[in-house]
Amino acid sequence: MKAREAMIAAVHNFNSAGLHFRAEIFITTAMVAWTYLCHAWFKREGIDYRYKINGAPKVLASGAEAYWELGKCNDQLPVAKAVRQNLELLLEIRHEIEHRSTVHHLPPVGRP
């Protein structure tokens, strides 16, 4: 249900008028949707998709267990090579958005 709603939100945001960063919002939200879908599939199949440390689930500073991100999920999915490659491409674009696009919106160092 969460995967479906996240993808619907991605499409709605992309189709919204007046947004300047529609593609970026679509891709990041679509990646969330794919991650939810993978986690649901792993759960249904009885596959433990938590990171482990010495056999015990890794726990984050927040106290939550650490689940696989989409890149790790993609490595474990029994899908066609083309599906895997499409997800890899979308992940590369999402990483570009996350790590590079934000830099262009910051003021130069030393200026307010």
C-alpha atoms as a PDB file:
ATOM      1  CA  MET A   1       0.000   0.000   0.000  1.00  0.00           C
ATOM      2  CA  LYS A   2       2.823   2.426   0.892  1.00  0.00           C
ATOM      3  CA  ALA A   3       4.641   1.666  -2.367  1.00  0.00           C
ATOM      4  CA  ARG A   4       1.504   2.338  -4.385  1.00  0.00           C
ATOM      5  CA  GLU A   5       0.761   5.591  -2.558  1.00  0.00           C
ATOM      6  CA  ALA A   6       4.361   6.796  -2.919  1.00  0.00           C
ATOM      7  CA  MET A   7       4.281   6.191  -6.688  1.00  0.00           C
ATOM      8  CA  ILE A   8       0.901   7.940  -6.978  1.00  0.00           C
ATOM      9  CA  ALA A   9       2.387  10.889  -5.061  1.00  0.00           C
ATOM     10  CA  ALA A  10       5.383  10.916  -7.421  1.00  0.00           C
ATOM     11  CA  VAL A  11       3.119  11.079 -10.479  1.00  0.00           C
ATOM     12  CA  HIS A  12       0.839  13.719  -8.928  1.00  0.00           C
ATOM     13  CA  ASN A  13       3.819  15.911  -8.060  1.00  0.00           C
ATOM     14  CA  PHE A  14       5.261  15.523 -11.536  1.00  0.00           C
ATOM     15  CA  ASN A  15       1.951  16.535 -13.110  1.00  0.00           C
ATOM     16  CA  SER A  16       1.459  19.539 -10.792  1.00  0.00           C
ATOM     17  CA  ALA A  17       1.666  22.947 -12.378  1.00  0.00           C
ATOM     18  CA  GLY A  18       3.930  25.553 -10.850  1.00  0.00           C
ATOM     19  CA  LEU A  19       6.616  23.212  -9.514  1.00  0.00           C
ATOM     20  CA  HIS A  20      10.114  23.910 -10.792  1.00  0.00           C
ATOM     21  CA  PHE A  21      11.751  20.706  -9.543  1.00  0.00           C
ATOM     22  CA  ARG A  22       9.148  18.193 -10.732  1.00  0.00           C
ATOM     23  CA  ALA A  23      11.613  15.730 -12.232  1.00  0.00           C
ATOM     24  CA  GLU A  24      13.746  15.695  -9.082  1.00  0.00           C
ATOM     25  CA  ILE A  25      10.693  15.239  -6.853  1.00  0.00           C
ATOM     26  CA  PHE A  26       9.367  12.475  -9.118  1.00  0.00           C
ATOM     27  CA  ILE A  27      12.612  10.504  -9.158  1.00  0.00           C
ATOM     28  CA  THR A  28      13.255  10.708  -5.411  1.00  0.00           C
ATOM     29  CA  THR A  29       9.662   9.794  -4.546  1.00  0.00           C
ATOM     30  CA  ALA A  30       9.656   6.985  -7.124  1.00  0.00           C
ATOM     31  CA  MET A  31      12.799   5.580  -5.484  1.00  0.00           C
ATOM     32  CA  VAL A  32      10.994   5.576  -2.139  1.00  0.00           C
ATOM     33  CA  ALA A  33       8.106   3.723  -3.797  1.00  0.00           C
ATOM     34  CA  TRP A  34      10.442   1.105  -5.272  1.00  0.00           C
ATOM     35  CA  THR A  35      12.132   0.643  -1.893  1.00  0.00           C
ATOM     36  CA  TYR A  36       8.765   0.086  -0.187  1.00  0.00           C
ATOM     37  CA  LEU A  37       7.799  -2.373  -2.924  1.00  0.00           C
ATOM     38  CA  CYS A  38      11.037  -4.332  -2.520  1.00  0.00           C
ATOM     39  CA  HIS A  39      10.675  -4.460   1.254  1.00  0.00           C
ATOM     40  CA  ALA A  40       7.091  -5.713   0.919  1.00  0.00           C
ATOM     41  CA  TRP A  41       8.192  -8.403  -1.530  1.00  0.00           C
ATOM     42  CA  PHE A  42      11.088  -9.522   0.693  1.00  0.00           C
ATOM     43  CA  LYS A  43       8.749  -9.681   3.698  1.00  0.00           C
ATOM     44  CA  ARG A  44       6.216 -11.756   1.742  1.00  0.00           C
ATOM     45  CA  GLU A  45       8.967 -14.121   0.596  1.00  0.00           C
ATOM     46  CA  GLY A  46      10.403 -14.457   4.117  1.00  0.00           C
ATOM     47  CA  ILE A  47      13.696 -12.765   3.195  1.00  0.00           C
ATOM     48  CA  ASP A  48      15.345 -10.829   6.019  1.00  0.00           C
ATOM     49  CA  TYR A  49      16.205  -7.443   4.510  1.00  0.00           C
ATOM     50  CA  ARG A  50      17.879  -5.935   7.556  1.00  0.00           C
ATOM     51  CA  TYR A  51      21.555  -5.086   7.775  1.00  0.00           C
ATOM     52  CA  LYS A  52      23.347  -7.264  10.320  1.00  0.00           C
ATOM     53  CA  ILE A  53      26.362  -6.846  12.558  1.00  0.00           C
ATOM     54  CA  ASN A  54      27.722 -10.141  13.849  1.00  0.00           C
ATOM     55  CA  GLY A  55      24.395 -11.766  13.022  1.00  0.00           C
ATOM     56  CA  ALA A  56      22.289  -9.231  14.943  1.00  0.00           C
ATOM     57  CA  PRO A  57      20.195  -6.533  13.263  1.00  0.00           C
ATOM     58  CA  LYS A  58      22.061  -3.247  12.901  1.00  0.00           C
ATOM     59  CA  VAL A  59      20.411  -0.525  14.988  1.00  0.00           C
ATOM     60  CA  LEU A  60      20.579   3.131  13.984  1.00  0.00           C
ATOM     61  CA  ALA A  61      21.168   6.018  16.405  1.00  0.00           C
ATOM     62  CA  SER A  62      17.395   6.579  16.389  1.00  0.00           C
ATOM     63  CA  GLY A  63      16.883   3.048  17.709  1.00  0.00           C
ATOM     64  CA  ALA A  64      15.350   1.791  14.451  1.00  0.00           C
ATOM     65  CA  GLU A  65      16.672  -1.244  12.648  1.00  0.00           C
ATOM     66  CA  ALA A  66      18.624  -0.579   9.431  1.00  0.00           C
ATOM     67  CA  TYR A  67      16.888  -1.961   6.338  1.00  0.00           C
ATOM     68  CA  TRP A  68      18.441  -2.420   2.912  1.00  0.00           C
ATOM     69  CA  GLU A  69      18.406   0.636   0.668  1.00  0.00           C
ATOM     70  CA  LEU A  70      17.198   0.297  -2.912  1.00  0.00           C
ATOM     71  CA  GLY A  71      20.655  -0.415  -4.353  1.00  0.00           C
ATOM     72  CA  LYS A  72      21.079  -3.433  -2.074  1.00  0.00           C
ATOM     73  CA  CYS A  73      17.484  -4.509  -2.742  1.00  0.00           C
ATOM     74  CA  ASN A  74      18.097  -4.334  -6.482  1.00  0.00           C
ATOM     75  CA  ASP A  75      21.057  -6.697  -6.123  1.00  0.00           C
ATOM     76  CA  GLN A  76      18.807  -9.274  -4.437  1.00  0.00           C
ATOM     77  CA  LEU A  77      15.705  -9.087  -6.650  1.00  0.00           C
ATOM     78  CA  PRO A  78      14.972 -11.954  -9.052  1.00  0.00           C
ATOM     79  CA  VAL A  79      14.076  -9.635 -11.938  1.00  0.00           C
ATOM     80  CA  ALA A  80      15.051  -9.340 -15.575  1.00  0.00           C
ATOM     81  CA  LYS A  81      18.376  -7.687 -16.338  1.00  0.00           C
ATOM     82  CA  ALA A  82      16.565  -4.772 -18.028  1.00  0.00           C
ATOM     83  CA  VAL A  83      14.558  -4.043 -14.855  1.00  0.00           C
ATOM     84  CA  ARG A  84      17.724  -4.096 -12.754  1.00  0.00           C
ATOM     85  CA  GLN A  85      19.498  -1.782 -15.221  1.00  0.00           C
ATOM     86  CA  ASN A  86      16.562   0.663 -15.220  1.00  0.00           C
ATOM     87  CA  LEU A  87      16.617   0.830 -11.427  1.00  0.00           C
ATOM     88  CA  GLU A  88      20.389   1.328 -11.475  1.00  0.00           C
ATOM     89  CA  LEU A  89      19.991   4.238 -13.901  1.00  0.00           C
ATOM     90  CA  LEU A  90      17.278   5.843 -11.769  1.00  0.00           C
ATOM     91  CA  LEU A  91      19.470   5.411  -8.688  1.00  0.00           C
ATOM     92  CA  GLU A  92      22.361   7.141 -10.460  1.00  0.00           C
ATOM     93  CA  ILE A  93      20.077  10.043 -11.336  1.00  0.00           C
ATOM     94  CA  ARG A  94      18.758  10.182  -7.772  1.00  0.00           C
ATOM     95  CA  HIS A  95      22.311  10.254  -6.412  1.00  0.00           C
ATOM     96  CA  GLU A  96      23.121  13.062  -8.820  1.00  0.00           C
ATOM     97  CA  ILE A  97      20.095  15.002  -7.561  1.00  0.00           C
ATOM     98  CA  GLU A  98      20.989  14.390  -3.928  1.00  0.00           C
ATOM     99  CA  HIS A  99      24.716  15.053  -4.101  1.00  0.00           C
ATOM    100  CA  ARG A 100      25.182  17.562  -6.885  1.00  0.00           C
ATOM    101  CA  SER A 101      22.001  19.537  -7.564  1.00  0.00           C
ATOM    102  CA  THR A 102      21.844  21.025  -4.079  1.00  0.00           C
ATOM    103  CA  VAL A 103      25.328  22.522  -4.420  1.00  0.00           C
ATOM    104  CA  HIS A 104      24.161  24.862  -7.183  1.00  0.00           C
ATOM    105  CA  HIS A 105      21.544  26.391  -4.900  1.00  0.00           C
ATOM    106  CA  LEU A 106      23.892  27.372  -2.092  1.00  0.00           C
ATOM    107  CA  PRO A 107      25.342  30.867  -1.874  1.00  0.00           C
ATOM    108  CA  PRO A 108      29.086  31.134  -2.585  1.00  0.00           C
ATOM    109  CA  VAL A 109      31.334  30.561   0.419  1.00  0.00           C
ATOM    110  CA  GLY A 110      31.740  33.754   2.425  1.00  0.00           C
ATOM    111  CA  ARG A 111      28.546  35.334   1.115  1.00  0.00           C
ATOM    112  CA  PRO A 112      25.151  35.381   2.821  1.00  0.00           C
END
